[in-house]
Protein backbone atom coordinates (compact mmCIF):
# COMPACT_ATOMS: atom_id res chain seq x y z
CA MET A 1 109.57 128.48 175.44
CA THR A 2 111.44 130.66 177.91
CA THR A 3 112.54 130.03 181.16
CA ASN A 4 109.54 132.37 182.62
CA GLU A 5 106.98 129.81 181.20
CA THR A 6 105.58 126.53 181.79
CA SER A 7 104.86 123.83 179.04
CA THR A 8 101.66 125.25 178.01
CA GLY A 9 103.11 128.83 177.53
CA ALA A 10 101.24 130.10 180.87
CA PRO A 11 103.75 132.28 182.81
CA VAL A 12 105.51 131.15 186.10
CA GLY A 13 103.52 132.29 188.96
CA GLY A 14 105.19 133.34 192.06
CA PRO A 15 104.20 134.71 195.35
CA ASP A 16 104.40 138.37 194.30
CA LEU A 17 102.48 137.60 190.68
CA GLU A 18 99.15 139.63 191.29
CA ALA A 19 96.00 138.51 189.76
CA MET A 20 94.62 140.79 186.77
CA LEU A 21 91.10 140.52 185.55
CA THR A 22 89.67 141.94 182.40
CA ALA A 23 86.87 144.23 182.38
CA SER A 24 84.53 141.47 181.44
CA GLU A 25 85.46 139.74 184.36
CA VAL A 26 85.08 142.52 186.87
CA ALA A 27 81.74 143.29 185.18
CA GLN A 28 80.46 139.81 186.27
CA LEU A 29 81.30 140.56 189.80
CA PHE A 30 79.67 143.78 189.70
CA ARG A 31 76.66 142.64 187.69
CA VAL A 32 77.27 145.64 185.35
CA SER A 33 78.39 146.09 181.67
CA ALA A 34 82.14 145.92 180.60
CA LYS A 35 81.59 149.50 179.29
CA THR A 36 80.83 150.76 182.85
CA VAL A 37 84.07 149.06 184.26
CA GLY A 38 85.92 150.70 181.51
CA ARG A 39 84.36 154.04 182.70
CA TRP A 40 85.40 153.56 186.38
CA GLY A 41 88.81 152.74 185.02
CA ARG A 42 88.92 155.80 183.10
CA SER A 43 87.55 158.10 185.84
CA GLY A 44 90.04 156.89 188.14
CA ALA A 45 87.31 155.15 190.45
CA LEU A 46 89.01 151.81 189.87
CA PRO A 47 92.89 151.56 189.13
CA LEU A 48 93.54 150.59 185.56
CA TYR A 49 96.37 148.79 183.88
CA ARG A 50 97.10 148.55 180.32
CA THR A 51 98.95 145.49 178.83
CA VAL A 52 101.72 145.88 176.20
CA GLY A 53 98.86 145.40 173.69
CA GLY A 54 96.70 147.93 175.16
CA HIS A 55 94.26 146.18 176.59
CA GLN A 56 92.67 146.94 180.25
CA ARG A 57 93.36 145.00 183.41
CA TYR A 58 92.42 145.47 186.96
CA ARG A 59 94.26 144.21 190.01
CA LEU A 60 92.10 141.41 191.98
CA ALA A 61 93.25 143.42 195.11
CA ASP A 62 91.86 146.81 193.98
CA VAL A 63 88.71 144.92 192.82
CA ARG A 64 88.08 143.44 196.38
CA GLY A 65 88.80 146.95 197.71
CA PHE A 66 86.38 148.43 195.43
CA LEU A 67 83.76 145.85 196.58
CA GLY A 68 84.47 146.52 200.20
CA LEU A 69 85.81 143.09 200.66
CA ASP A 70 88.71 141.68 202.87
CA ALA A 71 91.33 139.65 201.16
CA GLU A 72 91.38 137.05 203.48
CA ALA A 73 87.55 136.55 203.65
CA VAL A 74 87.31 136.23 199.62
CA ALA A 75 90.16 133.78 199.63
CA SER A 76 88.39 131.42 202.44
């Protein structure tokens, strides 16, 4: 266990740690397939980030913007 992890191995979250979603999680929000979300990411319509292992991730803030939702409205 490193100093940046909890006893369960999860990273220690700070106020500037951004929530990241998988393609499947984003697909559930939009009610589309994960492949469609991947296409959005590759086309640049939805900003795409890759993990060290090559997996695709999407920032929650970007997804909210793509949905047209205000961040405060979703949180409450």
